[in-house]
Structures are given as C-alpha cells and as structure tokens.
Protein backbone atom coordinates (compact mmCIF):
# COMPACT_ATOMS: atom_id res chain seq x y z
CA MET A 1 18.73 35.11 -19.88
CA ASN A 2 19.99 31.46 -19.84
CA ILE A 3 17.20 30.57 -17.46
CA LEU A 4 14.74 31.07 -20.30
CA LEU A 5 16.27 28.16 -22.16
CA LEU A 6 15.09 26.02 -19.28
CA LEU A 7 11.74 27.76 -18.43
CA ILE A 8 10.26 27.87 -21.95
CA PRO A 9 10.49 24.12 -22.60
CA ILE A 10 9.20 23.31 -19.15
CA SER A 11 6.19 25.67 -19.61
CA LEU A 12 5.50 24.21 -23.09
CA ALA A 13 5.69 20.63 -21.63
CA MET A 14 3.22 21.55 -18.82
CA GLY A 15 0.84 23.19 -21.35
CA ALA A 16 1.04 20.03 -23.42
CA VAL A 17 0.17 17.87 -20.37
CA GLY A 18 -2.84 20.08 -19.63
CA VAL A 19 -4.09 19.79 -23.22
CA ALA A 20 -3.55 16.03 -23.06
CA ALA A 21 -5.43 15.74 -19.82
CA PHE A 22 -8.32 17.78 -21.25
CA LEU A 23 -8.51 15.66 -24.46
CA TRP A 24 -8.48 12.51 -22.36
CA SER A 25 -11.39 13.80 -20.31
CA LEU A 26 -13.31 14.48 -23.51
CA ARG A 27 -12.66 11.09 -24.88
CA THR A 28 -13.64 9.15 -21.74
CA ASP A 29 -16.95 11.08 -21.46
CA GLN A 30 -16.13 12.83 -18.20
CA TYR A 31 -18.58 15.67 -19.09
CA GLN A 32 -21.47 13.42 -19.92
CA ASP A 33 -23.86 14.14 -17.05
CA LEU A 34 -23.21 17.69 -15.88
CA SER A 35 -26.71 18.22 -14.37
CA GLY A 36 -26.83 14.96 -12.46
CA ASP A 37 -24.43 16.08 -9.81
CA ALA A 38 -26.15 19.40 -9.35
CA GLU A 39 -29.48 17.76 -8.87
CA ARG A 40 -28.18 15.13 -6.53
CA VAL A 41 -26.89 17.86 -4.15
CA LEU A 42 -30.30 19.48 -4.16
CA HIS A 43 -32.17 16.31 -3.47
CA ALA A 44 -29.78 14.73 -0.95
CA ALA A 45 -31.27 13.75 2.40
CA ASP A 46 -30.28 16.30 4.95
CA HIS A 47 -29.26 15.04 8.31
CA PRO A 48 -29.23 17.47 11.24
CA ILE A 49 -25.89 17.89 12.94
CA THR A 50 -26.13 16.94 16.53
CA PRO A 51 -23.36 17.49 19.07
CA ARG A 52 -21.62 14.43 20.35
CA ARG A 53 -22.34 13.50 23.92
CA ARG A 54 -19.48 13.05 26.36
CA PRO A 55 -19.29 9.56 27.82
CA THR A 56 -20.61 9.71 31.40
CA GLN A 57 -18.17 8.78 34.06
CA ASN A 58 -19.08 6.28 36.67
CA LEU A 59 -19.43 7.80 40.08
CA GLN A 60 -17.11 5.17 41.51
CA GLU A 61 -14.32 6.14 39.10
CA SER A 62 -14.57 9.86 39.85
CA GLY A 63 -14.40 9.32 43.58
CA GLN A 64 -17.80 10.72 44.42
C-alpha cells in the first residue's frame, strides 16, 4: 500500500509532462501543415531498388 504513495505522484508528474508537451506543440504550430507531408509522400520520386554488385576480383589475385 505504501508503494501507492510513490506511484501516484510519479504518474501525475508524467501526465503533467505529457500535457505540457502537447501544449508546447500547439503553441509552436507543429500541426500547421498536416496535408503537406501526406502529399509529399505520394509525389516523391520513386527510385528502383537495384542490387549491389560485388566487386570483381582480378584474375591474378584469385590465382587463376
């Protein structure tokens, strides 16, 4: 039961930090352009993934 005397203030402090972070994000306009990121993902230039080539060994180094 004594552990609640420690856990309740810790949980209230963590909740206060979360609310403070949310209010900071509102004040600094972090949610200003929500559709911009979504559109940038759709219109991004796609580059095909190509496998890397192994460097070729010289015939002299391989002993052939």
